[in-house]
N, C-alpha and C. Protein backbone atom coordinates (compact mmCIF):
# COMPACT_ATOMS: atom_id res chain seq x y z
N MET A 1 119.97 140.15 102.44
CA MET A 1 121.24 140.01 103.13
C MET A 1 121.89 141.39 103.33
N ILE A 2 121.85 142.23 102.32
CA ILE A 2 122.44 143.56 102.45
C ILE A 2 121.72 144.37 103.51
N THR A 3 120.40 144.23 103.58
CA THR A 3 119.62 144.95 104.59
C THR A 3 120.02 144.50 105.99
N ARG A 4 120.22 143.19 106.17
CA ARG A 4 120.63 142.67 107.47
C ARG A 4 122.02 143.19 107.85
N MET A 5 122.91 143.25 106.87
CA MET A 5 124.26 143.74 107.12
C MET A 5 124.24 145.22 107.48
N ARG A 6 123.41 146.00 106.80
CA ARG A 6 123.29 147.42 107.13
C ARG A 6 122.75 147.61 108.54
N GLY A 7 121.80 146.78 108.93
CA GLY A 7 121.24 146.86 110.29
C GLY A 7 122.30 146.54 111.33
N ALA A 8 123.11 145.53 111.06
CA ALA A 8 124.17 145.15 111.99
C ALA A 8 125.21 146.27 112.10
N MET A 9 125.56 146.88 110.97
CA MET A 9 126.52 147.98 110.99
C MET A 9 125.96 149.17 111.75
N ALA A 10 124.69 149.47 111.55
CA ALA A 10 124.07 150.60 112.24
C ALA A 10 124.09 150.37 113.75
N ARG A 11 123.79 149.14 114.20
CA ARG A 11 123.82 148.84 115.64
C ARG A 11 125.24 148.96 116.19
N LEU A 12 126.23 148.53 115.42
CA LEU A 12 127.62 148.61 115.84
C LEU A 12 128.07 150.06 115.95
N LEU A 13 127.73 150.87 114.98
CA LEU A 13 128.16 152.27 114.99
C LEU A 13 127.45 153.10 116.05
N LYS A 14 126.27 152.69 116.45
CA LYS A 14 125.51 153.45 117.44
C LYS A 14 125.54 152.80 118.82
N ALA A 15 126.47 151.87 119.05
CA ALA A 15 126.57 151.20 120.34
C ALA A 15 126.87 152.21 121.44
N ASP A 16 126.12 152.16 122.53
CA ASP A 16 126.35 153.09 123.63
C ASP A 16 127.01 152.42 124.82
N GLN A 17 127.47 151.20 124.64
CA GLN A 17 128.22 150.51 125.69
C GLN A 17 129.36 149.75 125.03
N GLY A 18 130.43 149.63 125.74
CA GLY A 18 131.60 148.92 125.23
C GLY A 18 132.84 149.47 125.89
N PRO A 19 134.00 148.84 125.65
CA PRO A 19 135.22 149.26 126.34
C PRO A 19 135.66 150.67 126.00
N PHE A 20 135.54 151.09 124.75
CA PHE A 20 135.97 152.44 124.38
C PHE A 20 134.99 153.48 124.90
N THR A 21 133.71 153.18 124.84
CA THR A 21 132.71 154.11 125.35
C THR A 21 132.89 154.30 126.85
N ASP A 22 133.10 153.22 127.58
CA ASP A 22 133.31 153.32 129.02
C ASP A 22 134.55 154.14 129.36
N GLU A 23 135.60 154.00 128.54
CA GLU A 23 136.83 154.74 128.79
C GLU A 23 136.66 156.24 128.54
N LEU A 24 135.83 156.60 127.59
CA LEU A 24 135.65 158.00 127.22
C LEU A 24 134.46 158.68 127.90
N MET A 25 133.62 157.92 128.59
CA MET A 25 132.42 158.47 129.22
C MET A 25 132.81 159.52 130.26
N LEU A 26 132.22 160.70 130.15
CA LEU A 26 132.52 161.78 131.07
C LEU A 26 131.75 161.60 132.36
N ALA A 27 132.41 161.88 133.46
CA ALA A 27 131.79 161.82 134.78
C ALA A 27 131.99 163.18 135.45
N PRO A 28 131.00 163.64 136.20
CA PRO A 28 131.17 164.92 136.88
C PRO A 28 132.20 164.82 138.00
N THR A 29 133.11 165.78 138.05
CA THR A 29 134.10 165.87 139.12
C THR A 29 134.11 167.31 139.61
N PRO A 30 134.73 167.60 140.73
CA PRO A 30 134.82 168.99 141.18
C PRO A 30 135.60 169.88 140.20
N HIS A 31 136.31 169.26 139.26
CA HIS A 31 137.14 170.00 138.32
C HIS A 31 136.55 169.99 136.92
N GLY A 32 135.27 169.69 136.79
CA GLY A 32 134.61 169.63 135.49
C GLY A 32 134.32 168.20 135.10
N ALA A 33 133.69 168.02 133.95
CA ALA A 33 133.36 166.69 133.45
C ALA A 33 134.60 166.09 132.78
N LEU A 34 135.05 164.96 133.29
CA LEU A 34 136.25 164.29 132.79
C LEU A 34 136.01 162.79 132.70
N PRO A 35 136.73 162.09 131.82
CA PRO A 35 136.69 160.63 131.86
C PRO A 35 137.21 160.14 133.22
N SER A 36 136.67 159.05 133.71
CA SER A 36 137.03 158.59 135.06
C SER A 36 138.52 158.32 135.20
N ARG A 37 139.20 157.90 134.13
CA ARG A 37 140.64 157.64 134.22
C ARG A 37 141.43 158.93 134.42
N LEU A 38 140.83 160.09 134.11
CA LEU A 38 141.51 161.37 134.27
C LEU A 38 140.98 162.17 135.47
N ALA A 39 140.13 161.57 136.28
CA ALA A 39 139.61 162.27 137.45
C ALA A 39 140.74 162.42 138.47
N PRO A 40 141.09 163.66 138.82
CA PRO A 40 142.25 163.87 139.70
C PRO A 40 141.90 163.70 141.17
N GLU A 41 142.92 163.34 141.95
CA GLU A 41 142.79 163.32 143.40
C GLU A 41 142.99 164.73 143.95
N SER A 42 143.85 165.49 143.27
CA SER A 42 144.10 166.87 143.68
C SER A 42 144.53 167.68 142.47
N VAL A 43 144.49 168.99 142.62
CA VAL A 43 144.87 169.90 141.54
C VAL A 43 145.79 170.97 142.12
N VAL A 44 146.89 171.24 141.42
CA VAL A 44 147.79 172.32 141.81
C VAL A 44 147.87 173.33 140.67
N THR A 45 148.02 174.58 141.02
CA THR A 45 148.14 175.63 140.01
C THR A 45 149.60 175.96 139.82
N THR A 46 149.99 176.09 138.57
CA THR A 46 151.37 176.42 138.24
C THR A 46 151.37 177.42 137.09
N VAL A 47 152.53 177.91 136.76
CA VAL A 47 152.69 178.85 135.66
C VAL A 47 153.45 178.14 134.55
N CYS A 48 152.93 178.22 133.33
CA CYS A 48 153.58 177.60 132.17
C CYS A 48 154.92 178.28 131.93
N GLY A 49 155.95 177.50 131.66
CA GLY A 49 157.28 178.06 131.47
C GLY A 49 157.79 178.00 130.04
N PHE A 50 156.92 177.71 129.08
CA PHE A 50 157.39 177.59 127.70
C PHE A 50 157.71 178.92 127.05
N CYS A 51 157.11 180.01 127.50
CA CYS A 51 157.44 181.32 126.94
C CYS A 51 157.38 182.34 128.08
N SER A 52 157.56 183.59 127.77
CA SER A 52 157.59 184.61 128.82
C SER A 52 156.21 185.13 129.20
N THR A 53 155.14 184.63 128.58
CA THR A 53 153.80 185.11 128.91
C THR A 53 153.39 184.70 130.32
N GLY A 54 153.65 183.47 130.70
CA GLY A 54 153.36 183.00 132.05
C GLY A 54 151.90 182.71 132.30
N CYS A 55 151.30 181.88 131.47
CA CYS A 55 149.89 181.50 131.64
C CYS A 55 149.72 180.57 132.84
N GLY A 56 148.57 180.66 133.50
CA GLY A 56 148.26 179.80 134.63
C GLY A 56 147.67 178.49 134.17
N LEU A 57 148.16 177.38 134.72
CA LEU A 57 147.67 176.05 134.38
C LEU A 57 147.35 175.30 135.66
N ASN A 58 146.25 174.55 135.64
CA ASN A 58 145.90 173.65 136.73
C ASN A 58 146.39 172.26 136.35
N VAL A 59 147.29 171.70 137.12
CA VAL A 59 147.82 170.37 136.86
C VAL A 59 147.04 169.38 137.72
N HIS A 60 146.45 168.38 137.08
CA HIS A 60 145.65 167.37 137.78
C HIS A 60 146.57 166.23 138.19
N LEU A 61 146.52 165.88 139.48
CA LEU A 61 147.41 164.85 140.03
C LEU A 61 146.62 163.62 140.45
N LYS A 62 147.19 162.46 140.19
CA LYS A 62 146.63 161.20 140.65
C LYS A 62 147.79 160.33 141.10
N ASN A 63 147.75 159.85 142.31
CA ASN A 63 148.86 159.07 142.89
C ASN A 63 150.17 159.85 142.83
N GLY A 64 150.10 161.16 142.99
CA GLY A 64 151.29 161.99 143.00
C GLY A 64 151.89 162.28 141.64
N ARG A 65 151.22 161.86 140.56
CA ARG A 65 151.73 162.07 139.21
C ARG A 65 150.77 162.96 138.42
N ALA A 66 151.33 163.79 137.56
CA ALA A 66 150.53 164.65 136.71
C ALA A 66 149.89 163.81 135.61
N ILE A 67 148.55 163.86 135.51
CA ILE A 67 147.85 163.06 134.51
C ILE A 67 147.12 163.90 133.48
N ASN A 68 146.92 165.18 133.77
CA ASN A 68 146.15 166.03 132.87
C ASN A 68 146.36 167.47 133.29
N LEU A 69 145.94 168.40 132.46
CA LEU A 69 145.97 169.80 132.87
C LEU A 69 144.85 170.56 132.20
N THR A 70 144.49 171.66 132.81
CA THR A 70 143.52 172.59 132.25
C THR A 70 144.03 174.00 132.50
N PRO A 71 143.72 174.93 131.60
CA PRO A 71 144.10 176.32 131.84
C PRO A 71 143.31 176.88 133.02
N THR A 72 143.94 177.72 133.82
CA THR A 72 143.27 178.31 134.97
C THR A 72 142.27 179.36 134.48
N ALA A 73 141.01 179.18 134.80
CA ALA A 73 139.95 180.04 134.27
C ALA A 73 140.03 181.48 134.76
N ASP A 74 140.40 181.69 136.00
CA ASP A 74 140.38 183.05 136.54
C ASP A 74 141.77 183.69 136.61
N TYR A 75 142.75 183.11 135.94
CA TYR A 75 144.10 183.69 135.91
C TYR A 75 144.07 184.87 134.93
N PRO A 76 144.52 186.07 135.34
CA PRO A 76 144.34 187.25 134.49
C PRO A 76 145.14 187.26 133.18
N VAL A 77 146.17 186.45 133.07
CA VAL A 77 146.99 186.45 131.86
C VAL A 77 146.31 185.69 130.73
N ASN A 78 145.81 184.49 131.00
CA ASN A 78 145.27 183.66 129.93
C ASN A 78 143.76 183.44 130.00
N LEU A 79 143.10 183.78 131.09
CA LEU A 79 141.64 183.70 131.21
C LEU A 79 141.05 182.38 130.72
N GLY A 80 141.63 181.27 131.15
CA GLY A 80 141.08 179.96 130.82
C GLY A 80 141.46 179.42 129.45
N MET A 81 142.45 180.02 128.81
CA MET A 81 142.89 179.54 127.49
C MET A 81 144.36 179.16 127.56
N ALA A 82 144.78 178.32 126.62
CA ALA A 82 146.19 177.93 126.53
C ALA A 82 146.56 177.74 125.07
N CYS A 83 147.81 178.02 124.76
CA CYS A 83 148.31 177.81 123.40
C CYS A 83 148.70 176.33 123.25
N PRO A 84 149.07 175.90 122.05
CA PRO A 84 149.48 174.50 121.87
C PRO A 84 150.66 174.09 122.75
N LYS A 85 151.58 175.01 123.00
CA LYS A 85 152.73 174.68 123.86
C LYS A 85 152.25 174.44 125.29
N GLY A 86 151.31 175.25 125.75
CA GLY A 86 150.78 175.08 127.09
C GLY A 86 150.04 173.77 127.26
N TRP A 87 149.24 173.40 126.26
CA TRP A 87 148.51 172.13 126.33
C TRP A 87 149.45 170.94 126.37
N GLU A 88 150.63 171.07 125.81
CA GLU A 88 151.60 169.97 125.78
C GLU A 88 152.67 170.09 126.86
N SER A 89 152.46 170.93 127.84
CA SER A 89 153.51 171.17 128.83
C SER A 89 153.80 169.98 129.73
N LEU A 90 152.95 168.96 129.75
CA LEU A 90 153.24 167.76 130.55
C LEU A 90 154.06 166.73 129.75
N THR A 91 154.18 166.92 128.45
CA THR A 91 154.88 165.96 127.60
C THR A 91 156.32 165.72 128.04
N PRO A 92 157.10 166.73 128.43
CA PRO A 92 158.49 166.45 128.85
C PRO A 92 158.57 165.53 130.08
N LEU A 93 157.51 165.42 130.86
CA LEU A 93 157.54 164.53 132.02
C LEU A 93 157.65 163.07 131.62
N ALA A 94 157.23 162.74 130.40
CA ALA A 94 157.30 161.35 129.93
C ALA A 94 158.62 161.02 129.26
N SER A 95 159.51 162.00 129.17
CA SER A 95 160.80 161.80 128.52
C SER A 95 161.71 160.90 129.37
N PRO A 96 162.46 160.00 128.72
CA PRO A 96 163.39 159.17 129.49
C PRO A 96 164.52 160.00 130.07
């Protein structure tokens, strides 16, 4: 019985299909590999305003709303990197 239970647990832990797997599965897009729910219709470049450094960020838009962001790879200030404040720069948009 324990062997059967271990086999069932192993199959469950190694499942390659299911609702969570489908939600997280990366798909190729023109903006890199992203989960399909985060695949943007368009991308706009902006400058982060949290500090005076002014890092470049690409804001991913879907239905006219910001859904994700990535640091701008060729921007000379941040060269494709962002600090924790930059990664969270869309959070105020969800504020009431």
